[in-house]
Amino acid sequence: MDEVEPKSRGRTVILDSNFLFIPLQFGVDIFEELERLLGGLVRCVVPSPIFDELQLLKQDAKPSLRKKIDFALSLSEKCEKIEESTEPDETVDDVLVRLAKCWKCPVATNDAELRRRLRAEEISVIFLRQRAYLDIEGAF
């Protein structure tokens, strides 16, 4: 694992796969909302296991879900892809938690279980509130 956060301008936010579906599902521009929420330039990072997860979902998906996954993948191309290996017995959520702890940055997700886990680890969580705007839990 790369122990040092990659150099860039703006605040780093790690995006979970479900977060990439927000614009299509709710009509919310996640990139504009992240800039509004964090008060400026934001660097969106998508770890490679998220790409892998989306590709795996796409393989067995019905055509309507495939279109949504393709949309999420196209949005992920606007983000910085970080090559990250998954340790033995490690889930994609484990990778997100590990990177967020290491880089001391928030994770953007709507996954309730992952949100609870991140809060327990005192990691800030960005999520969709009232199907209309992004909000953040935890100190940032």
Protein backbone atom coordinates (compact mmCIF):
# COMPACT_ATOMS: atom_id res chain seq x y z
CA MET A 1 0.00 0.00 0.00
CA ASP A 2 1.13 3.53 -0.74
CA GLU A 3 1.37 4.95 2.78
CA VAL A 4 1.55 8.54 1.58
CA GLU A 5 -1.43 10.33 0.11
CA PRO A 6 -0.69 11.19 -3.52
CA LYS A 7 0.21 14.85 -4.01
CA SER A 8 -2.47 17.09 -5.41
CA ARG A 9 -4.40 20.28 -5.02
CA GLY A 10 -7.61 20.26 -3.05
CA ARG A 11 -9.02 18.07 -0.36
CA THR A 12 -8.98 14.37 -1.02
CA VAL A 13 -12.22 12.39 -0.84
CA ILE A 14 -12.39 8.64 -1.44
CA LEU A 15 -15.50 7.63 -3.39
CA ASP A 16 -17.36 4.37 -2.81
CA SER A 17 -19.04 2.69 -5.79
CA ASN A 18 -22.59 3.47 -4.67
CA PHE A 19 -21.74 7.18 -4.50
CA LEU A 20 -21.15 7.19 -8.26
CA PHE A 21 -24.82 6.29 -8.84
CA ILE A 22 -26.17 9.44 -7.11
CA PRO A 23 -26.26 11.73 -10.17
CA LEU A 24 -28.28 9.23 -12.19
CA GLN A 25 -30.60 8.22 -9.34
CA PHE A 26 -31.20 11.62 -7.74
CA GLY A 27 -30.01 14.26 -10.22
CA VAL A 28 -27.38 15.62 -7.83
CA ASP A 29 -24.03 16.74 -9.28
CA ILE A 30 -21.68 15.08 -6.80
CA PHE A 31 -18.63 17.04 -7.96
CA GLU A 32 -20.28 20.46 -7.53
CA GLU A 33 -21.78 19.36 -4.22
CA LEU A 34 -18.41 18.14 -2.93
CA GLU A 35 -16.86 21.53 -3.76
CA ARG A 36 -19.74 23.33 -2.05
CA LEU A 37 -19.59 21.09 1.02
CA LEU A 38 -15.81 21.25 1.43
CA GLY A 39 -15.44 24.89 0.41
CA GLY A 40 -13.24 24.61 -2.64
CA LEU A 41 -11.21 22.34 -4.82
CA VAL A 42 -11.75 18.62 -4.24
CA ARG A 43 -9.68 15.68 -5.41
CA CYS A 44 -11.91 12.66 -5.91
CA VAL A 45 -10.12 9.34 -5.60
CA VAL A 46 -11.46 5.95 -6.67
CA PRO A 47 -9.33 3.01 -5.52
CA SER A 48 -8.89 0.25 -8.10
CA PRO A 49 -10.95 -2.28 -6.07
CA ILE A 50 -13.98 -0.02 -6.65
CA PHE A 51 -13.44 -0.25 -10.43
CA ASP A 52 -13.08 -4.01 -10.09
CA GLU A 53 -16.29 -4.19 -8.03
CA LEU A 54 -18.24 -2.26 -10.68
CA GLN A 55 -16.87 -4.42 -13.50
CA LEU A 56 -17.82 -7.56 -11.58
CA LEU A 57 -21.36 -6.26 -10.97
CA LYS A 58 -21.69 -5.44 -14.64
CA GLN A 59 -20.92 -9.01 -15.77
CA ASP A 60 -24.14 -10.54 -14.42
CA ALA A 61 -26.33 -7.44 -14.49
CA LYS A 62 -29.54 -6.97 -16.44
CA PRO A 63 -29.32 -4.46 -19.32
CA SER A 64 -30.97 -1.66 -17.31
CA LEU A 65 -28.47 -2.08 -14.46
CA ARG A 66 -25.58 -2.32 -16.95
CA LYS A 67 -26.45 1.17 -18.21
CA LYS A 68 -26.32 2.50 -14.65
CA ILE A 69 -22.99 0.80 -14.04
CA ASP A 70 -21.61 2.20 -17.31
CA PHE A 71 -22.70 5.64 -16.14
CA ALA A 72 -20.95 5.14 -12.77
CA LEU A 73 -17.80 3.96 -14.56
CA SER A 74 -17.85 7.02 -16.82
CA LEU A 75 -18.14 9.27 -13.76
CA SER A 76 -15.23 7.46 -12.15
CA GLU A 77 -13.09 8.51 -15.12
CA LYS A 78 -13.37 12.11 -13.84
CA CYS A 79 -11.66 10.93 -10.67
CA GLU A 80 -8.12 9.89 -9.90
CA LYS A 81 -7.75 6.12 -9.98
CA ILE A 82 -5.43 4.79 -7.30
CA GLU A 83 -3.97 1.33 -7.81
CA GLU A 84 -4.47 -0.46 -4.54
CA SER A 85 -4.17 -4.16 -3.87
CA THR A 86 -6.56 -6.00 -1.63
CA GLU A 87 -4.96 -7.90 1.19
CA PRO A 88 -5.99 -11.55 1.78
CA ASP A 89 -9.47 -11.72 3.40
CA GLU A 90 -9.91 -7.97 2.88
CA THR A 91 -13.14 -6.58 1.43
CA VAL A 92 -13.52 -3.45 -0.69
CA ASP A 93 -14.92 -1.70 2.39
CA ASP A 94 -11.79 -2.73 4.32
CA VAL A 95 -9.67 -1.04 1.64
CA LEU A 96 -11.71 2.17 1.89
CA VAL A 97 -11.37 2.26 5.68
CA ARG A 98 -7.64 1.52 5.51
CA LEU A 99 -6.97 4.27 2.96
CA ALA A 100 -9.13 6.82 4.77
CA LYS A 101 -7.29 6.16 8.05
CA CYS A 102 -3.91 6.35 6.35
CA TRP A 103 -4.67 9.54 4.40
CA LYS A 104 -6.90 11.08 7.08
CA CYS A 105 -9.58 11.93 4.56
CA PRO A 106 -13.33 11.40 4.31
CA VAL A 107 -15.11 8.63 2.42
CA ALA A 108 -18.15 9.45 0.26
CA THR A 109 -20.70 6.65 0.56
CA ASN A 110 -24.39 5.96 1.06
CA ASP A 111 -23.80 2.45 2.38
CA ALA A 112 -25.30 2.44 5.90
CA GLU A 113 -23.08 -0.36 7.22
CA LEU A 114 -19.90 1.27 5.88
CA ARG A 115 -20.99 4.64 7.30
CA ARG A 116 -21.37 3.09 10.79
CA ARG A 117 -17.99 1.45 10.48
CA LEU A 118 -16.30 4.68 9.36
CA ARG A 119 -17.89 6.65 12.21
CA ALA A 120 -16.67 4.00 14.68
CA GLU A 121 -13.15 4.57 13.30
CA GLU A 122 -13.66 8.38 13.63
CA ILE A 123 -13.44 8.85 9.86
CA SER A 124 -15.55 11.58 8.28
CA VAL A 125 -18.33 10.39 5.98
CA ILE A 126 -19.91 12.30 3.10
CA PHE A 127 -23.39 11.12 2.13
CA LEU A 128 -26.57 12.16 0.34
CA ARG A 129 -29.11 13.81 2.62
CA GLN A 130 -32.81 14.12 1.76
CA ARG A 131 -32.08 12.93 -1.80
CA ALA A 132 -31.06 16.50 -2.58
CA TYR A 133 -27.62 17.51 -1.29
CA LEU A 134 -24.44 16.16 0.26
CA ASP A 135 -23.66 16.38 3.94
CA ILE A 136 -20.75 15.34 6.12
CA GLU A 137 -20.59 13.51 9.45
CA GLY A 138 -17.55 13.75 11.66
CA ALA A 139 -14.79 16.27 12.07
CA PHE A 140 -12.92 17.21 8.96
